Amino acid sequence: MFNTIMDLSHHNGTTLDFAAAAASGMNAVIHKATQGTTYVDPCLSANRDAVRKAGLLFGYYHFGTGDDGGAQADYFLARAQPASGELLALDFEANAAGPSMTLEEARAFVTVIHTRIGKWPALYTGHYLKDMIGSTPDPVLANCPLWLAQYGPVPVLPAGWNTWTLWQWTDGAVGVNPQPVPGIGHCDRDNFNGDGDGLAAFWSSVAPD
């Protein structure tokens, strides 16, 4: 298990030192890019440049809302403009600020991404999806590598997955003894279910060529 991934957004501030994070052993950053069909994270561009300069793997996630799922996928790709090898993910959870994404719209989102890049994006989710599908796997979403959101010590998988690929085990406060990342501070941290070579291969498997 490889515990060297952070997922970040503007909530983490504007004075982040990714060179220090890389020197401490961190390998990758997944950054919020967009939400719905009208919002772009204001820190995306500057942090992406800094992450690339520090030599870390970079990826993007889209926070899904109740808007049309296909339109959200188009908006995400247009605003993120991912380079070859940069991970893509859908954040599928309850939206406290408005209508939440439905299963139907999540399916539409990941299907558009698959159509556009020929690969399924990673799917970040936890109890939200588990409560929706119960014991019945979703035939579309189950194509996506699972990025599990769960802060307990033992991962519990949604129906449709035999394993997790990424596991967000802390938000920087809740979790098993989370430590601040040098240059970043307390933040969302993620495990990868594999080693360094496997991480690079996985990253490419959910990214444009």
N, C-alpha and C. Protein backbone atom coordinates (compact mmCIF):
# COMPACT_ATOMS: atom_id res chain seq x y z
N MET A 1 0.85 -1.20 0.00
CA MET A 1 0.00 0.00 0.00
C MET A 1 0.88 1.24 0.00
N PHE A 2 0.53 2.22 -0.81
CA PHE A 2 1.34 3.40 -1.05
C PHE A 2 0.59 4.62 -0.54
N ASN A 3 1.07 5.23 0.54
CA ASN A 3 0.35 6.34 1.18
C ASN A 3 1.02 7.67 0.84
N THR A 4 0.97 8.04 -0.43
CA THR A 4 1.72 9.22 -0.87
C THR A 4 0.92 10.14 -1.79
N ILE A 5 -0.40 10.14 -1.64
CA ILE A 5 -1.27 10.91 -2.52
C ILE A 5 -2.07 11.89 -1.70
N MET A 6 -2.23 13.12 -2.22
CA MET A 6 -3.07 14.15 -1.61
C MET A 6 -4.18 14.52 -2.58
N ASP A 7 -5.37 14.82 -2.06
CA ASP A 7 -6.35 15.49 -2.91
C ASP A 7 -6.70 16.83 -2.29
N LEU A 8 -6.68 17.85 -3.15
CA LEU A 8 -6.69 19.24 -2.69
C LEU A 8 -7.72 20.07 -3.47
N SER A 9 -7.99 21.25 -2.91
CA SER A 9 -8.83 22.24 -3.57
C SER A 9 -8.44 23.61 -3.02
N HIS A 10 -9.21 24.63 -3.39
CA HIS A 10 -8.94 25.98 -2.88
C HIS A 10 -9.05 26.05 -1.37
N HIS A 11 -9.74 25.10 -0.76
CA HIS A 11 -9.88 25.08 0.70
C HIS A 11 -8.53 24.90 1.40
N ASN A 12 -7.54 24.39 0.68
CA ASN A 12 -6.23 24.19 1.28
C ASN A 12 -5.34 25.43 1.25
N GLY A 13 -5.85 26.53 0.70
CA GLY A 13 -5.11 27.78 0.72
C GLY A 13 -4.30 28.02 -0.53
N THR A 14 -3.59 29.14 -0.53
CA THR A 14 -2.87 29.59 -1.73
C THR A 14 -1.36 29.65 -1.54
N THR A 15 -0.85 29.13 -0.43
CA THR A 15 0.60 29.20 -0.17
C THR A 15 1.17 27.80 0.00
N LEU A 16 0.87 26.91 -0.91
CA LEU A 16 1.30 25.52 -0.82
C LEU A 16 2.69 25.34 -1.46
N ASP A 17 3.51 24.53 -0.84
CA ASP A 17 4.88 24.28 -1.29
C ASP A 17 4.97 22.83 -1.76
N PHE A 18 4.78 22.60 -3.05
CA PHE A 18 4.76 21.24 -3.57
C PHE A 18 6.15 20.65 -3.67
N ALA A 19 7.18 21.49 -3.78
CA ALA A 19 8.54 20.97 -3.77
C ALA A 19 8.85 20.34 -2.42
N ALA A 20 8.40 20.97 -1.34
CA ALA A 20 8.61 20.41 0.00
C ALA A 20 7.82 19.11 0.15
N ALA A 21 6.61 19.08 -0.38
CA ALA A 21 5.80 17.86 -0.32
C ALA A 21 6.50 16.72 -1.07
N ALA A 22 7.02 17.03 -2.25
CA ALA A 22 7.72 16.01 -3.04
C ALA A 22 8.97 15.52 -2.30
N ALA A 23 9.71 16.44 -1.70
CA ALA A 23 10.92 16.06 -0.97
C ALA A 23 10.61 15.16 0.23
N SER A 24 9.39 15.29 0.76
CA SER A 24 9.00 14.47 1.92
C SER A 24 8.55 13.07 1.51
N GLY A 25 8.43 12.82 0.21
CA GLY A 25 8.03 11.50 -0.26
C GLY A 25 6.67 11.41 -0.90
N MET A 26 5.95 12.53 -0.99
CA MET A 26 4.66 12.50 -1.67
C MET A 26 4.87 12.29 -3.16
N ASN A 27 3.92 11.60 -3.79
CA ASN A 27 4.06 11.26 -5.21
C ASN A 27 3.04 11.88 -6.13
N ALA A 28 1.86 12.26 -5.59
CA ALA A 28 0.79 12.65 -6.50
C ALA A 28 -0.20 13.59 -5.83
N VAL A 29 -0.85 14.39 -6.68
CA VAL A 29 -1.90 15.32 -6.26
C VAL A 29 -3.10 15.14 -7.18
N ILE A 30 -4.28 15.03 -6.58
CA ILE A 30 -5.53 15.09 -7.35
C ILE A 30 -6.24 16.37 -6.90
N HIS A 31 -6.49 17.27 -7.82
CA HIS A 31 -6.98 18.61 -7.49
C HIS A 31 -8.39 18.81 -8.01
N LYS A 32 -9.20 19.47 -7.25
CA LYS A 32 -10.53 19.82 -7.73
C LYS A 32 -10.40 20.73 -8.94
N ALA A 33 -11.13 20.40 -9.99
CA ALA A 33 -11.12 21.23 -11.20
C ALA A 33 -12.41 22.01 -11.33
N THR A 34 -13.53 21.30 -11.26
CA THR A 34 -14.82 21.92 -11.56
C THR A 34 -15.91 21.35 -10.68
N GLN A 35 -17.07 22.06 -10.71
CA GLN A 35 -18.26 21.61 -10.01
C GLN A 35 -19.46 22.02 -10.84
N GLY A 36 -20.37 21.07 -11.07
CA GLY A 36 -21.53 21.40 -11.88
C GLY A 36 -21.14 21.82 -13.28
N THR A 37 -21.78 22.88 -13.77
CA THR A 37 -21.48 23.38 -15.12
C THR A 37 -21.11 24.87 -15.12
N THR A 38 -20.77 25.40 -13.93
CA THR A 38 -20.48 26.83 -13.88
C THR A 38 -19.26 27.18 -13.01
N TYR A 39 -18.67 26.22 -12.32
CA TYR A 39 -17.64 26.55 -11.33
C TYR A 39 -16.30 25.91 -11.68
N VAL A 40 -15.24 26.72 -11.63
CA VAL A 40 -13.87 26.25 -11.76
C VAL A 40 -13.12 26.62 -10.49
N ASP A 41 -12.40 25.67 -9.91
CA ASP A 41 -11.64 25.95 -8.69
C ASP A 41 -10.61 27.05 -8.99
N PRO A 42 -10.62 28.15 -8.22
CA PRO A 42 -9.73 29.27 -8.53
C PRO A 42 -8.25 28.97 -8.33
N CYS A 43 -7.91 27.90 -7.62
CA CYS A 43 -6.51 27.55 -7.39
C CYS A 43 -5.99 26.51 -8.37
N LEU A 44 -6.85 26.03 -9.26
CA LEU A 44 -6.46 24.93 -10.14
C LEU A 44 -5.22 25.26 -10.97
N SER A 45 -5.25 26.34 -11.69
CA SER A 45 -4.18 26.63 -12.64
C SER A 45 -2.83 26.80 -11.95
N ALA A 46 -2.78 27.62 -10.91
CA ALA A 46 -1.52 27.87 -10.22
C ALA A 46 -0.99 26.60 -9.56
N ASN A 47 -1.86 25.86 -8.91
CA ASN A 47 -1.41 24.63 -8.24
C ASN A 47 -0.98 23.57 -9.24
N ARG A 48 -1.68 23.47 -10.37
CA ARG A 48 -1.27 22.51 -11.40
C ARG A 48 0.14 22.83 -11.88
N ASP A 49 0.42 24.08 -12.15
CA ASP A 49 1.76 24.46 -12.61
C ASP A 49 2.81 24.12 -11.57
N ALA A 50 2.49 24.37 -10.31
CA ALA A 50 3.46 24.12 -9.23
C ALA A 50 3.67 22.62 -9.02
N VAL A 51 2.61 21.84 -9.13
CA VAL A 51 2.72 20.38 -8.99
C VAL A 51 3.57 19.81 -10.12
N ARG A 52 3.30 20.23 -11.33
CA ARG A 52 4.09 19.76 -12.47
C ARG A 52 5.56 20.11 -12.29
N LYS A 53 5.83 21.33 -11.85
CA LYS A 53 7.22 21.78 -11.64
C LYS A 53 7.91 20.93 -10.58
N ALA A 54 7.16 20.51 -9.57
CA ALA A 54 7.74 19.70 -8.50
C ALA A 54 7.93 18.24 -8.90
N GLY A 55 7.43 17.86 -10.07
CA GLY A 55 7.62 16.51 -10.58
C GLY A 55 6.66 15.48 -10.02
N LEU A 56 5.54 15.93 -9.47
CA LEU A 56 4.53 15.03 -8.93
C LEU A 56 3.51 14.67 -10.01
N LEU A 57 2.92 13.50 -9.89
CA LEU A 57 1.79 13.16 -10.74
C LEU A 57 0.64 14.10 -10.44
N PHE A 58 -0.12 14.47 -11.47
CA PHE A 58 -1.23 15.39 -11.29
C PHE A 58 -2.51 14.77 -11.83
N GLY A 59 -3.61 15.05 -11.14
CA GLY A 59 -4.91 14.60 -11.60
C GLY A 59 -5.99 15.60 -11.25
N TYR A 60 -7.19 15.40 -11.82
CA TYR A 60 -8.31 16.33 -11.68
C TYR A 60 -9.54 15.57 -11.20
N TYR A 61 -10.32 16.19 -10.32
CA TYR A 61 -11.63 15.63 -10.04
C TYR A 61 -12.72 16.67 -10.25
N HIS A 62 -13.88 16.18 -10.62
CA HIS A 62 -15.06 17.01 -10.81
C HIS A 62 -16.06 16.67 -9.73
N PHE A 63 -16.57 17.68 -9.03
CA PHE A 63 -17.61 17.48 -8.02
C PHE A 63 -18.96 17.49 -8.71
N GLY A 64 -19.63 16.34 -8.68
CA GLY A 64 -20.90 16.21 -9.37
C GLY A 64 -22.05 16.90 -8.65
N THR A 65 -22.95 17.50 -9.41
CA THR A 65 -24.16 18.13 -8.89
C THR A 65 -25.37 17.58 -9.62
N GLY A 66 -26.54 18.14 -9.35
CA GLY A 66 -27.76 17.67 -9.97
C GLY A 66 -27.95 18.10 -11.42
N ASP A 67 -27.00 18.81 -11.99
CA ASP A 67 -27.09 19.22 -13.39
C ASP A 67 -26.94 18.01 -14.32
N ASP A 68 -27.20 18.20 -15.59
CA ASP A 68 -27.06 17.16 -16.58
C ASP A 68 -25.65 16.56 -16.54
N GLY A 69 -25.57 15.23 -16.40
CA GLY A 69 -24.28 14.59 -16.23
C GLY A 69 -23.38 14.70 -17.44
N GLY A 70 -23.93 14.53 -18.62
CA GLY A 70 -23.12 14.67 -19.82
C GLY A 70 -22.58 16.07 -19.99
N ALA A 71 -23.41 17.07 -19.71
CA ALA A 71 -22.97 18.46 -19.80
C ALA A 71 -21.87 18.74 -18.78
N GLN A 72 -21.97 18.13 -17.60
CA GLN A 72 -20.92 18.32 -16.59
C GLN A 72 -19.60 17.72 -17.07
N ALA A 73 -19.66 16.56 -17.71
CA ALA A 73 -18.44 15.94 -18.22
C ALA A 73 -17.79 16.81 -19.29
N ASP A 74 -18.60 17.36 -20.18
CA ASP A 74 -18.05 18.25 -21.22
C ASP A 74 -17.43 19.49 -20.59
N TYR A 75 -18.09 20.04 -19.60
CA TYR A 75 -17.58 21.24 -18.91
C TYR A 75 -16.26 20.92 -18.21
N PHE A 76 -16.20 19.79 -17.54
CA PHE A 76 -14.99 19.35 -16.85
C PHE A 76 -13.81 19.25 -17.80
N LEU A 77 -14.00 18.56 -18.90
CA LEU A 77 -12.90 18.38 -19.86
C LEU A 77 -12.48 19.70 -20.48
N ALA A 78 -13.45 20.57 -20.78
CA ALA A 78 -13.14 21.85 -21.42
C ALA A 78 -12.36 22.76 -20.48
N ARG A 79 -12.70 22.74 -19.19
CA ARG A 79 -12.03 23.64 -18.24
C ARG A 79 -10.74 23.05 -17.70
N ALA A 80 -10.71 21.74 -17.48
CA ALA A 80 -9.48 21.12 -16.97
C ALA A 80 -8.41 21.05 -18.05
N GLN A 81 -8.80 20.72 -19.27
CA GLN A 81 -7.86 20.54 -20.37
C GLN A 81 -6.69 19.64 -19.94
N PRO A 82 -6.98 18.42 -19.54
CA PRO A 82 -5.93 17.53 -19.02
C PRO A 82 -4.90 17.18 -20.08
N ALA A 83 -3.67 17.15 -19.65
CA ALA A 83 -2.59 16.71 -20.52
C ALA A 83 -2.53 15.18 -20.51
N SER A 84 -1.77 14.63 -21.43
CA SER A 84 -1.58 13.19 -21.48
C SER A 84 -1.06 12.69 -20.14
N GLY A 85 -1.68 11.62 -19.64
CA GLY A 85 -1.21 11.02 -18.40
C GLY A 85 -1.73 11.65 -17.13
N GLU A 86 -2.65 12.61 -17.23
CA GLU A 86 -3.18 13.25 -16.02
C GLU A 86 -4.55 12.66 -15.67
N LEU A 87 -4.63 12.10 -14.48
CA LEU A 87 -5.80 11.35 -14.00
C LEU A 87 -7.08 12.18 -14.04
N LEU A 88 -8.20 11.50 -14.32
CA LEU A 88 -9.53 12.10 -14.27
C LEU A 88 -10.41 11.31 -13.31
N ALA A 89 -11.22 12.02 -12.51
CA ALA A 89 -12.08 11.36 -11.54
C ALA A 89 -13.37 12.14 -11.35
N LEU A 90 -14.42 11.40 -11.03
CA LEU A 90 -15.70 11.99 -10.63
C LEU A 90 -15.85 11.86 -9.13
N ASP A 91 -16.14 12.98 -8.47
CA ASP A 91 -16.46 13.00 -7.03
C ASP A 91 -17.97 12.88 -6.91
N PHE A 92 -18.42 11.70 -6.51
CA PHE A 92 -19.85 11.38 -6.45
C PHE A 92 -20.25 11.26 -4.99
N GLU A 93 -20.76 12.36 -4.45
CA GLU A 93 -21.18 12.42 -3.05
C GLU A 93 -22.32 13.42 -2.92
N ALA A 94 -22.90 13.47 -1.73
CA ALA A 94 -23.99 14.42 -1.50
C ALA A 94 -23.47 15.84 -1.60
N ASN A 95 -24.29 16.70 -2.19
CA ASN A 95 -23.95 18.11 -2.38
C ASN A 95 -24.68 18.94 -1.34
N ALA A 96 -23.94 19.52 -0.40
CA ALA A 96 -24.56 20.30 0.67
C ALA A 96 -25.05 21.66 0.19
N ALA A 97 -24.60 22.09 -1.00
CA ALA A 97 -24.92 23.44 -1.47
C ALA A 97 -26.05 23.48 -2.51
N GLY A 98 -26.64 22.33 -2.80
CA GLY A 98 -27.69 22.32 -3.82
C GLY A 98 -28.03 20.89 -4.19
N PRO A 99 -28.72 20.69 -5.34
CA PRO A 99 -29.10 19.34 -5.75
C PRO A 99 -27.89 18.44 -5.93
N SER A 100 -28.00 17.21 -5.47
CA SER A 100 -26.92 16.24 -5.58
C SER A 100 -27.02 15.47 -6.90
N MET A 101 -25.88 14.98 -7.35
CA MET A 101 -25.86 14.16 -8.56
C MET A 101 -26.60 12.86 -8.31
N THR A 102 -27.38 12.44 -9.28
CA THR A 102 -28.11 11.18 -9.21
C THR A 102 -27.29 10.06 -9.85
N LEU A 103 -27.72 8.84 -9.66
CA LEU A 103 -27.06 7.71 -10.33
C LEU A 103 -27.11 7.87 -11.84
N GLU A 104 -28.26 8.30 -12.35
CA GLU A 104 -28.41 8.47 -13.80
C GLU A 104 -27.40 9.48 -14.34
N GLU A 105 -27.25 10.59 -13.64
CA GLU A 105 -26.32 11.62 -14.11
C GLU A 105 -24.87 11.19 -13.92
N ALA A 106 -24.58 10.42 -12.89
CA ALA A 106 -23.22 9.89 -12.72
C ALA A 106 -22.88 8.94 -13.86
N ARG A 107 -23.83 8.09 -14.22
CA ARG A 107 -23.61 7.19 -15.36
C ARG A 107 -23.34 8.00 -16.64
N ALA A 108 -24.13 9.05 -16.85
CA ALA A 108 -23.94 9.87 -18.04
C ALA A 108 -22.56 10.52 -18.02
N PHE A 109 -22.14 11.00 -16.87
CA PHE A 109 -20.83 11.66 -16.75
C PHE A 109 -19.71 10.70 -17.13
N VAL A 110 -19.65 9.54 -16.49
CA VAL A 110 -18.52 8.64 -16.75
C VAL A 110 -18.57 8.08 -18.16
N THR A 111 -19.78 7.94 -18.72
CA THR A 111 -19.90 7.44 -20.09
C THR A 111 -19.35 8.45 -21.08
N VAL A 112 -19.63 9.73 -20.86
CA VAL A 112 -19.06 10.76 -21.75
C VAL A 112 -17.53 10.78 -21.65
N ILE A 113 -17.00 10.67 -20.44
CA ILE A 113 -15.54 10.63 -20.30
C ILE A 113 -14.98 9.43 -21.06
N HIS A 114 -15.62 8.27 -20.91
CA HIS A 114 -15.15 7.07 -21.60
C HIS A 114 -15.20 7.26 -23.11
N THR A 115 -16.25 7.88 -23.59
CA THR A 115 -16.38 8.13 -25.02
C THR A 115 -15.29 9.07 -25.52
N ARG A 116 -14.98 10.07 -24.73
CA ARG A 116 -14.03 11.10 -25.15
C ARG A 116 -12.57 10.64 -25.08
N ILE A 117 -12.21 9.86 -24.05
CA ILE A 117 -10.78 9.48 -23.89
C ILE A 117 -10.54 7.99 -24.05
N GLY A 118 -11.62 7.20 -24.19
CA GLY A 118 -11.46 5.76 -24.36
C GLY A 118 -11.15 5.02 -23.07
N LYS A 119 -11.33 5.67 -21.92
CA LYS A 119 -11.05 5.05 -20.62
C LYS A 119 -12.10 5.53 -19.61
N TRP A 120 -12.37 4.68 -18.63
CA TRP A 120 -13.28 5.07 -17.57
C TRP A 120 -12.53 5.89 -16.53
N PRO A 121 -13.12 6.97 -16.01
CA PRO A 121 -12.46 7.75 -14.96
C PRO A 121 -12.54 7.01 -13.63
N ALA A 122 -11.70 7.42 -12.69
CA ALA A 122 -11.84 6.94 -11.32
C ALA A 122 -13.14 7.49 -10.72
N LEU A 123 -13.70 6.75 -9.77
CA LEU A 123 -14.94 7.17 -9.11
C LEU A 123 -14.68 7.30 -7.62
N TYR A 124 -14.75 8.55 -7.13
CA TYR A 124 -14.63 8.82 -5.70
C TYR A 124 -16.01 8.76 -5.09
N THR A 125 -16.19 7.88 -4.12
CA THR A 125 -17.49 7.76 -3.48
C THR A 125 -17.37 6.95 -2.21
N GLY A 126 -18.44 6.95 -1.42
CA GLY A 126 -18.47 6.21 -0.17
C GLY A 126 -19.89 5.84 0.18
N HIS A 127 -20.35 6.33 1.33
CA HIS A 127 -21.68 5.97 1.80
C HIS A 127 -22.79 6.44 0.86
N TYR A 128 -22.55 7.53 0.14
CA TYR A 128 -23.57 8.05 -0.77
C TYR A 128 -23.98 6.99 -1.78
N LEU A 129 -22.98 6.38 -2.43
CA LEU A 129 -23.27 5.34 -3.41
C LEU A 129 -23.77 4.07 -2.73
N LYS A 130 -23.16 3.69 -1.61
CA LYS A 130 -23.58 2.47 -0.91
C LYS A 130 -25.06 2.52 -0.55
N ASP A 131 -25.51 3.68 -0.08
CA ASP A 131 -26.91 3.82 0.30
C ASP A 131 -27.83 3.75 -0.91
N MET A 132 -27.35 4.23 -2.06
CA MET A 132 -28.18 4.23 -3.26
C MET A 132 -28.37 2.84 -3.84
N ILE A 133 -27.28 2.08 -3.91
CA ILE A 133 -27.34 0.81 -4.66
C ILE A 133 -27.54 -0.41 -3.77
N GLY A 134 -27.32 -0.27 -2.47
CA GLY A 134 -27.49 -1.42 -1.60
C GLY A 134 -26.59 -2.57 -2.01
N SER A 135 -27.18 -3.73 -2.25
CA SER A 135 -26.40 -4.92 -2.62
C SER A 135 -26.39 -5.19 -4.12
N THR A 136 -26.92 -4.24 -4.90
CA THR A 136 -27.01 -4.43 -6.35
C THR A 136 -25.99 -3.55 -7.07
N PRO A 137 -24.97 -4.14 -7.68
CA PRO A 137 -23.96 -3.33 -8.37
C PRO A 137 -24.56 -2.50 -9.50
N ASP A 138 -24.00 -1.31 -9.69
CA ASP A 138 -24.40 -0.49 -10.83
C ASP A 138 -23.58 -0.92 -12.04
N PRO A 139 -24.21 -1.33 -13.14
CA PRO A 139 -23.46 -1.91 -14.25
C PRO A 139 -22.57 -0.94 -14.99
N VAL A 140 -22.84 0.35 -14.88
CA VAL A 140 -22.00 1.35 -15.55
C VAL A 140 -20.90 1.84 -14.61
N LEU A 141 -21.26 2.28 -13.43
CA LEU A 141 -20.27 2.83 -12.51
C LEU A 141 -19.24 1.80 -12.08
N ALA A 142 -19.63 0.52 -12.07
CA ALA A 142 -18.69 -0.53 -11.67
C ALA A 142 -17.51 -0.67 -12.63
N ASN A 143 -17.60 -0.04 -13.80
CA ASN A 143 -16.46 -0.03 -14.73
C ASN A 143 -15.32 0.87 -14.23
N CYS A 144 -15.64 1.78 -13.34
CA CYS A 144 -14.66 2.79 -12.91
C CYS A 144 -13.82 2.27 -11.76
N PRO A 145 -12.51 2.50 -11.77
CA PRO A 145 -11.69 2.17 -10.60
C PRO A 145 -12.22 2.91 -9.38
N LEU A 146 -12.29 2.22 -8.25
CA LEU A 146 -12.90 2.78 -7.06
C LEU A 146 -11.89 3.60 -6.26
N TRP A 147 -12.26 4.85 -5.99
CA TRP A 147 -11.56 5.73 -5.06
C TRP A 147 -12.48 5.85 -3.85
N LEU A 148 -12.21 5.05 -2.86
CA LEU A 148 -13.10 4.92 -1.71
C LEU A 148 -12.89 6.03 -0.70
N ALA A 149 -13.99 6.65 -0.27
CA ALA A 149 -13.96 7.66 0.78
C ALA A 149 -14.46 7.01 2.06
N GLN A 150 -13.55 6.76 2.99
CA GLN A 150 -13.93 6.14 4.27
C GLN A 150 -12.82 6.35 5.27
N TYR A 151 -13.16 6.91 6.43
CA TYR A 151 -12.14 7.26 7.41
C TYR A 151 -11.96 6.22 8.51
N GLY A 152 -12.69 5.14 8.47
CA GLY A 152 -12.49 4.05 9.42
C GLY A 152 -11.25 3.24 9.08
N PRO A 153 -10.82 2.35 9.99
CA PRO A 153 -9.58 1.60 9.78
C PRO A 153 -9.68 0.47 8.77
N VAL A 154 -10.90 0.05 8.43
CA VAL A 154 -11.09 -1.07 7.51
C VAL A 154 -11.97 -0.63 6.35
N PRO A 155 -11.50 -0.75 5.10
CA PRO A 155 -12.32 -0.33 3.96
C PRO A 155 -13.51 -1.25 3.75
N VAL A 156 -14.69 -0.68 3.55
CA VAL A 156 -15.91 -1.43 3.24
C VAL A 156 -16.34 -1.03 1.84
N LEU A 157 -16.36 -1.98 0.93
CA LEU A 157 -16.56 -1.67 -0.49
C LEU A 157 -18.04 -1.61 -0.85
N PRO A 158 -18.39 -0.74 -1.80
CA PRO A 158 -19.75 -0.78 -2.37
C PRO A 158 -19.92 -2.04 -3.20
N ALA A 159 -21.15 -2.46 -3.41
CA ALA A 159 -21.43 -3.59 -4.30
C ALA A 159 -20.91 -3.27 -5.70
N GLY A 160 -20.23 -4.24 -6.31
CA GLY A 160 -19.72 -4.06 -7.66
C GLY A 160 -18.21 -4.01 -7.74
N TRP A 161 -17.54 -3.87 -6.60
CA TRP A 161 -16.08 -3.82 -6.58
C TRP A 161 -15.54 -4.89 -5.64
N ASN A 162 -14.49 -5.57 -6.08
CA ASN A 162 -13.83 -6.56 -5.24
C ASN A 162 -12.65 -5.98 -4.49
N THR A 163 -12.23 -4.77 -4.89
CA THR A 163 -11.11 -4.12 -4.23
C THR A 163 -11.20 -2.63 -4.47
N TRP A 164 -10.45 -1.86 -3.69
CA TRP A 164 -10.34 -0.43 -3.93
C TRP A 164 -9.01 -0.15 -4.61
N THR A 165 -8.96 0.93 -5.38
CA THR A 165 -7.71 1.35 -6.02
C THR A 165 -7.09 2.50 -5.24
N LEU A 166 -7.89 3.51 -4.94
CA LEU A 166 -7.48 4.59 -4.04
C LEU A 166 -8.40 4.57 -2.83
N TRP A 167 -7.86 4.98 -1.68
CA TRP A 167 -8.66 5.02 -0.45
C TRP A 167 -8.34 6.31 0.29
N GLN A 168 -9.30 7.22 0.31
CA GLN A 168 -9.15 8.44 1.11
C GLN A 168 -9.42 8.06 2.57
N TRP A 169 -8.35 7.96 3.33
CA TRP A 169 -8.48 7.45 4.69
C TRP A 169 -8.55 8.56 5.75
N THR A 170 -8.31 9.82 5.34
CA THR A 170 -8.41 10.93 6.28
C THR A 170 -8.68 12.22 5.52
N ASP A 171 -9.31 13.16 6.22
CA ASP A 171 -9.46 14.52 5.70
C ASP A 171 -8.44 15.46 6.34
N GLY A 172 -7.46 14.88 7.02
CA GLY A 172 -6.46 15.66 7.72
C GLY A 172 -6.73 15.79 9.19
N ALA A 173 -7.97 15.47 9.58
CA ALA A 173 -8.35 15.55 10.99
C ALA A 173 -8.86 14.21 11.49
N VAL A 174 -9.83 13.65 10.77
CA VAL A 174 -10.40 12.36 11.13
C VAL A 174 -9.60 11.26 10.44
N GLY A 175 -9.36 10.17 11.14
CA GLY A 175 -8.60 9.07 10.57
C GLY A 175 -7.60 8.56 11.58
N VAL A 176 -6.79 7.60 11.16
CA VAL A 176 -5.82 6.98 12.06
C VAL A 176 -4.53 7.81 12.08
N ASN A 177 -4.40 8.68 13.09
CA ASN A 177 -3.20 9.47 13.32
C ASN A 177 -2.72 10.23 12.08
N PRO A 178 -3.55 11.06 11.46
CA PRO A 178 -3.10 11.80 10.28
C PRO A 178 -2.03 12.83 10.65
N GLN A 179 -0.99 12.90 9.84
CA GLN A 179 0.09 13.85 10.05
C GLN A 179 0.05 14.93 8.96
N PRO A 180 0.48 16.16 9.27
CA PRO A 180 0.52 17.18 8.22
C PRO A 180 1.56 16.84 7.16
N VAL A 181 1.29 17.21 5.93
CA VAL A 181 2.24 17.02 4.84
C VAL A 181 3.15 18.24 4.78
N PRO A 182 4.48 18.06 4.78
CA PRO A 182 5.37 19.21 4.68
C PRO A 182 5.04 20.08 3.47
N GLY A 183 4.93 21.37 3.68
CA GLY A 183 4.61 22.31 2.62
C GLY A 183 3.14 22.46 2.33
N ILE A 184 2.32 21.56 2.87
CA ILE A 184 0.88 21.57 2.58
C ILE A 184 0.06 21.72 3.85
N GLY A 185 0.42 21.00 4.90
CA GLY A 185 -0.35 20.99 6.14
C GLY A 185 -1.28 19.79 6.19
N HIS A 186 -2.24 19.84 7.10
CA HIS A 186 -3.24 18.77 7.17
C HIS A 186 -4.15 18.85 5.95
N CYS A 187 -4.38 17.71 5.33
CA CYS A 187 -5.17 17.68 4.09
C CYS A 187 -5.73 16.29 3.88
N ASP A 188 -6.58 16.17 2.87
CA ASP A 188 -7.08 14.86 2.46
C ASP A 188 -5.89 14.01 2.00
N ARG A 189 -5.83 12.78 2.51
CA ARG A 189 -4.74 11.86 2.15
C ARG A 189 -5.34 10.58 1.59
N ASP A 190 -4.61 9.97 0.66
CA ASP A 190 -5.12 8.79 -0.03
C ASP A 190 -4.05 7.72 -0.14
N ASN A 191 -4.47 6.48 0.09
CA ASN A 191 -3.62 5.32 -0.16
C ASN A 191 -3.86 4.80 -1.58
N PHE A 192 -2.81 4.23 -2.17
CA PHE A 192 -2.93 3.50 -3.42
C PHE A 192 -2.70 2.03 -3.14
N ASN A 193 -3.54 1.19 -3.72
CA ASN A 193 -3.48 -0.24 -3.47
C ASN A 193 -2.43 -0.88 -4.38
N GLY A 194 -1.17 -0.59 -4.09
CA GLY A 194 -0.07 -1.10 -4.91
C GLY A 194 1.22 -0.38 -4.59
N ASP A 195 2.20 -0.51 -5.50
CA ASP A 195 3.51 0.12 -5.29
C ASP A 195 3.70 1.29 -6.25
N GLY A 196 4.91 1.83 -6.27
CA GLY A 196 5.16 3.00 -7.09
C GLY A 196 4.97 2.76 -8.58
N ASP A 197 5.45 1.63 -9.08
CA ASP A 197 5.27 1.31 -10.49
C ASP A 197 3.78 1.13 -10.81
N GLY A 198 3.08 0.51 -9.89
CA GLY A 198 1.64 0.32 -10.09
C GLY A 198 0.89 1.63 -10.10
N LEU A 199 1.34 2.58 -9.27
CA LEU A 199 0.69 3.89 -9.23
C LEU A 199 0.81 4.59 -10.58
N ALA A 200 1.99 4.58 -11.16
CA ALA A 200 2.18 5.21 -12.46
C ALA A 200 1.32 4.56 -13.53
N ALA A 201 1.23 3.24 -13.49
CA ALA A 201 0.40 2.53 -14.47
C ALA A 201 -1.07 2.85 -14.27
N PHE A 202 -1.52 2.87 -13.02
CA PHE A 202 -2.91 3.22 -12.76
C PHE A 202 -3.21 4.62 -13.25
N TRP A 203 -2.34 5.57 -12.95
CA TRP A 203 -2.56 6.97 -13.34
C TRP A 203 -2.81 7.06 -14.84
N SER A 204 -2.01 6.35 -15.62
CA SER A 204 -2.18 6.38 -17.07
C SER A 204 -3.47 5.71 -17.52
N SER A 205 -3.97 4.77 -16.71
CA SER A 205 -5.16 4.01 -17.11
C SER A 205 -6.44 4.82 -16.97
N VAL A 206 -6.39 5.96 -16.29
CA VAL A 206 -7.57 6.82 -16.12
C VAL A 206 -7.27 8.24 -16.60
N ALA A 207 -6.44 8.32 -17.65
CA ALA A 207 -5.98 9.60 -18.16
C ALA A 207 -5.97 9.60 -19.69
N PRO A 208 -6.07 10.76 -20.29
CA PRO A 208 -5.92 10.82 -21.75
C PRO A 208 -4.53 10.34 -22.17
N ASP A 209 -4.44 9.74 -23.35
CA ASP A 209 -3.14 9.32 -23.89
C ASP A 209 -2.34 10.52 -24.40
